[in-house]
Amino acid sequence: MDHWISIGSPMLKDNEESQGYFKWLTAMKTFVGRLPGYLPGILEKKPDYANMTSKEQGRLRDIYTNIHSWLCKAVSLNSRVCSKMKHIRIYPYPDIVKWWRTVYKLFLCSSTDFSRRKAKLYDYYQYDNEMCVPCFNRFELRVTELEELGTKLDDHENGVIFFNELTPANKKVVTNVMALSDLDYTLSNMFAVSKWLDELVKRK
């Protein structure tokens, strides 16, 4: 057995970020290329199965079944991908072309959707007369939706985005509080200051 194969296939972690996914994709394609019976384009072009002899069909099934088993094992830790692969046809031979295309499009769409949604964070703003905590909760919901796409966001970057979209009056108060307390502009600190500001307003 090829030493490369004996080590095992590259594993796609659960909740993998897009960057990690594309690294896995490259490594997985290299791995599949070392499996017995592999031919260039086997993951991209479907075979002319109907026009094969029974012997050729049997050999193809063996090759495709082996590749399919390795592909499934490689994504077994990723619940999102596994759920999408349940309906991939395995008879009369595993449809590894559709399998490969599905997993590729899954993360390609996620990457595009992530960029689009992240851009919307910069269009966020605090409503007039809106309390800071409800404003923070709306912003945090958008951040959570982004992270559900599989990419962890930077706490400091999010904090700065949130700060820049506060009302001018609140921004002035927050600036003073952050400077006096020597706090960094992280999202977690923004929540603490937002809570303090709301309590201050309620006392008036």
Protein backbone atom coordinates (compact mmCIF):
# COMPACT_ATOMS: atom_id res chain seq x y z
CA MET A 1 0.00 0.00 0.00
CA ASP A 2 1.17 3.53 -0.85
CA HIS A 3 2.65 5.14 2.29
CA TRP A 4 0.54 8.24 1.56
CA ILE A 5 -2.65 6.16 1.66
CA SER A 6 -1.61 4.26 4.78
CA ILE A 7 -1.44 7.57 6.68
CA GLY A 8 -5.09 8.19 5.85
CA SER A 9 -7.08 10.90 4.13
CA PRO A 10 -6.94 14.59 5.16
CA MET A 11 -9.82 15.21 7.57
CA LEU A 12 -12.18 18.17 7.24
CA LYS A 13 -12.88 19.52 10.73
CA ASP A 14 -16.36 20.44 11.88
CA ASN A 15 -17.14 24.17 11.46
CA GLU A 16 -14.06 24.59 9.29
CA GLU A 17 -13.47 28.10 7.98
CA SER A 18 -13.44 28.71 4.23
CA GLN A 19 -9.66 29.17 4.12
CA GLY A 20 -9.11 25.85 5.87
CA TYR A 21 -11.63 24.19 3.62
CA PHE A 22 -9.83 25.15 0.42
CA LYS A 23 -6.55 23.85 1.86
CA TRP A 24 -8.32 20.58 2.65
CA LEU A 25 -9.79 20.47 -0.86
CA THR A 26 -6.32 20.65 -2.43
CA ALA A 27 -4.90 18.03 -0.06
CA MET A 28 -7.89 15.73 -0.64
CA LYS A 29 -7.58 15.90 -4.40
CA THR A 30 -3.90 14.98 -4.12
CA PHE A 31 -4.84 12.06 -1.87
CA VAL A 32 -7.54 10.78 -4.26
CA GLY A 33 -5.01 11.03 -7.08
CA ARG A 34 -2.95 8.32 -5.36
CA LEU A 35 -5.81 5.85 -4.93
CA PRO A 36 -5.90 2.69 -7.10
CA GLY A 37 -7.65 3.17 -10.42
CA TYR A 38 -7.60 6.97 -10.32
CA LEU A 39 -7.64 8.72 -13.69
CA PRO A 40 -7.33 12.49 -14.32
CA GLY A 41 -10.78 14.11 -14.38
CA ILE A 42 -12.48 11.27 -12.49
CA LEU A 43 -13.95 13.77 -10.00
CA GLU A 44 -15.14 16.16 -12.70
CA LYS A 45 -16.52 14.02 -15.56
CA LYS A 46 -19.05 11.20 -15.30
CA PRO A 47 -18.16 7.88 -16.98
CA ASP A 48 -19.98 6.43 -20.02
CA TYR A 49 -21.29 3.64 -17.82
CA ALA A 50 -24.11 2.48 -20.12
CA ASN A 51 -21.73 1.67 -22.96
CA MET A 52 -19.30 -0.33 -20.84
CA THR A 53 -19.06 -4.11 -20.72
CA SER A 54 -20.15 -5.91 -17.56
CA LYS A 55 -16.50 -6.45 -16.65
CA GLU A 56 -15.66 -2.77 -17.16
CA GLN A 57 -18.71 -1.75 -15.12
CA GLY A 58 -17.65 -4.04 -12.29
CA ARG A 59 -14.13 -2.58 -12.22
CA LEU A 60 -15.51 0.95 -12.32
CA ARG A 61 -17.84 0.21 -9.38
CA ASP A 62 -14.89 -1.08 -7.34
CA ILE A 63 -12.79 2.01 -8.08
CA TYR A 64 -15.61 4.48 -7.45
CA THR A 65 -16.76 2.70 -4.29
CA ASN A 66 -13.24 2.89 -2.87
CA ILE A 67 -12.88 6.58 -3.70
CA HIS A 68 -16.35 7.33 -2.33
CA SER A 69 -15.55 5.59 0.95
CA TRP A 70 -12.42 7.72 1.38
CA LEU A 71 -14.31 10.92 0.53
CA CYS A 72 -17.02 10.13 3.10
CA LYS A 73 -14.43 9.29 5.75
CA ALA A 74 -12.59 12.56 5.08
CA VAL A 75 -15.71 14.66 5.86
CA SER A 76 -17.10 12.45 8.64
CA LEU A 77 -16.22 15.06 11.29
CA ASN A 78 -18.03 17.86 9.45
CA SER A 79 -21.75 17.63 10.24
CA ARG A 80 -22.69 20.28 7.70
CA VAL A 81 -21.08 18.45 4.78
CA CYS A 82 -22.34 15.03 5.93
CA SER A 83 -25.93 16.26 5.94
CA LYS A 84 -25.59 17.39 2.33
CA MET A 85 -24.15 14.06 1.17
CA LYS A 86 -27.00 11.81 2.30
CA HIS A 87 -28.80 11.99 -1.04
CA ILE A 88 -25.82 11.36 -3.32
CA ARG A 89 -26.55 8.35 -5.54
CA ILE A 90 -24.48 5.22 -4.87
CA TYR A 91 -26.16 2.84 -7.36
CA PRO A 92 -25.22 1.49 -9.86
CA TYR A 93 -21.98 3.21 -8.78
CA PRO A 94 -21.26 6.04 -6.32
CA ASP A 95 -21.70 9.43 -8.01
CA ILE A 96 -18.36 10.89 -6.91
CA VAL A 97 -18.64 13.66 -9.52
CA LYS A 98 -21.81 15.01 -7.92
CA TRP A 99 -20.29 14.44 -4.48
CA TRP A 100 -17.22 16.52 -5.33
CA ARG A 101 -19.26 19.26 -7.03
CA THR A 102 -21.67 19.48 -4.10
CA VAL A 103 -19.00 19.90 -1.44
CA TYR A 104 -17.13 22.41 -3.60
CA LYS A 105 -20.24 24.56 -4.21
CA LEU A 106 -21.23 24.34 -0.56
CA PHE A 107 -18.14 26.22 0.58
CA LEU A 108 -17.92 28.43 -2.49
CA CYS A 109 -21.43 29.74 -1.74
CA SER A 110 -20.53 30.13 1.93
CA SER A 111 -17.47 32.19 1.04
CA THR A 112 -19.48 34.48 -1.26
CA ASP A 113 -22.33 34.80 1.23
CA PHE A 114 -19.86 35.56 4.02
CA SER A 115 -18.27 38.44 2.07
CA ARG A 116 -21.69 39.87 1.25
CA ARG A 117 -22.94 39.68 4.83
CA LYS A 118 -19.73 41.06 6.32
CA ALA A 119 -19.98 44.11 4.05
CA LYS A 120 -23.42 44.73 5.55
CA LEU A 121 -21.87 45.11 9.00
CA TYR A 122 -20.45 48.43 7.84
CA ASP A 123 -23.94 49.64 6.88
CA TYR A 124 -25.12 49.11 10.45
CA TYR A 125 -26.05 52.14 12.58
CA GLN A 126 -27.72 52.99 15.87
CA TYR A 127 -31.25 54.37 15.60
CA ASP A 128 -32.09 57.75 17.09
CA ASN A 129 -33.19 57.38 20.72
CA GLU A 130 -32.27 53.68 20.66
CA MET A 131 -30.67 52.33 23.84
CA CYS A 132 -27.18 50.92 23.46
CA VAL A 133 -27.84 47.34 24.58
CA PRO A 134 -30.68 46.71 22.10
CA CYS A 135 -28.43 48.22 19.43
CA PHE A 136 -25.62 45.92 20.51
CA ASN A 137 -27.95 42.91 20.42
CA ARG A 138 -28.91 43.67 16.81
CA PHE A 139 -25.27 43.96 15.84
CA GLU A 140 -24.27 40.79 17.69
CA LEU A 141 -27.01 38.87 15.89
CA ARG A 142 -25.43 39.78 12.55
CA VAL A 143 -22.03 38.70 13.83
CA THR A 144 -23.47 35.37 14.99
CA GLU A 145 -25.07 34.77 11.59
CA LEU A 146 -21.69 35.36 9.96
CA GLU A 147 -19.87 33.00 12.29
CA GLU A 148 -22.44 30.29 11.60
CA LEU A 149 -21.05 30.26 8.04
CA GLY A 150 -17.88 28.83 9.51
CA THR A 151 -15.56 31.83 9.95
CA LYS A 152 -14.59 33.18 13.35
CA LEU A 153 -14.57 36.99 13.36
CA ASP A 154 -12.04 39.19 15.11
CA ASP A 155 -13.42 40.55 18.40
CA HIS A 156 -11.46 43.80 18.12
CA GLU A 157 -12.49 44.46 14.51
CA ASN A 158 -16.15 43.93 15.41
CA GLY A 159 -15.82 46.21 18.40
CA VAL A 160 -14.43 49.02 16.24
CA ILE A 161 -17.21 48.55 13.66
CA PHE A 162 -19.85 48.72 16.40
CA PHE A 163 -18.26 51.81 17.95
CA ASN A 164 -18.07 53.69 14.64
CA GLU A 165 -21.78 53.20 14.04
CA LEU A 166 -23.02 54.54 17.37
CA THR A 167 -24.72 57.93 17.47
CA PRO A 168 -22.24 60.85 17.75
CA ALA A 169 -23.31 61.58 21.33
CA ASN A 170 -22.85 57.98 22.49
CA LYS A 171 -19.59 57.70 20.59
CA LYS A 172 -18.21 60.71 22.47
CA VAL A 173 -19.11 59.20 25.85
CA VAL A 174 -17.71 55.79 24.92
CA THR A 175 -14.43 57.36 23.78
CA ASN A 176 -13.98 59.03 27.17
CA VAL A 177 -14.88 55.87 29.10
CA MET A 178 -12.53 53.70 27.05
CA ALA A 179 -9.66 56.17 27.48
CA LEU A 180 -10.16 56.62 31.22
CA SER A 181 -10.51 52.87 31.80
CA ASP A 182 -7.68 52.01 29.38
CA LEU A 183 -9.89 49.49 27.60
CA ASP A 184 -9.40 48.03 24.16
CA TYR A 185 -12.18 48.40 21.58
CA THR A 186 -13.25 44.76 21.62
CA LEU A 187 -16.86 43.73 21.12
CA SER A 188 -17.02 42.31 24.63
CA ASN A 189 -15.88 45.66 26.07
CA MET A 190 -18.41 47.45 23.87
CA PHE A 191 -21.17 45.42 25.50
CA ALA A 192 -19.98 46.33 29.00
CA VAL A 193 -19.86 50.04 28.15
CA SER A 194 -23.23 49.86 26.37
CA LYS A 195 -24.79 48.35 29.49
CA TRP A 196 -23.24 51.07 31.66
CA LEU A 197 -24.54 53.80 29.32
CA ASP A 198 -28.09 52.45 29.41
CA GLU A 199 -28.06 52.30 33.20
CA LEU A 200 -26.80 55.87 33.28
CA VAL A 201 -29.68 57.04 31.08
CA LYS A 202 -32.24 55.18 33.20
CA ARG A 203 -31.07 56.99 36.33
CA LYS A 204 -31.77 60.40 34.80
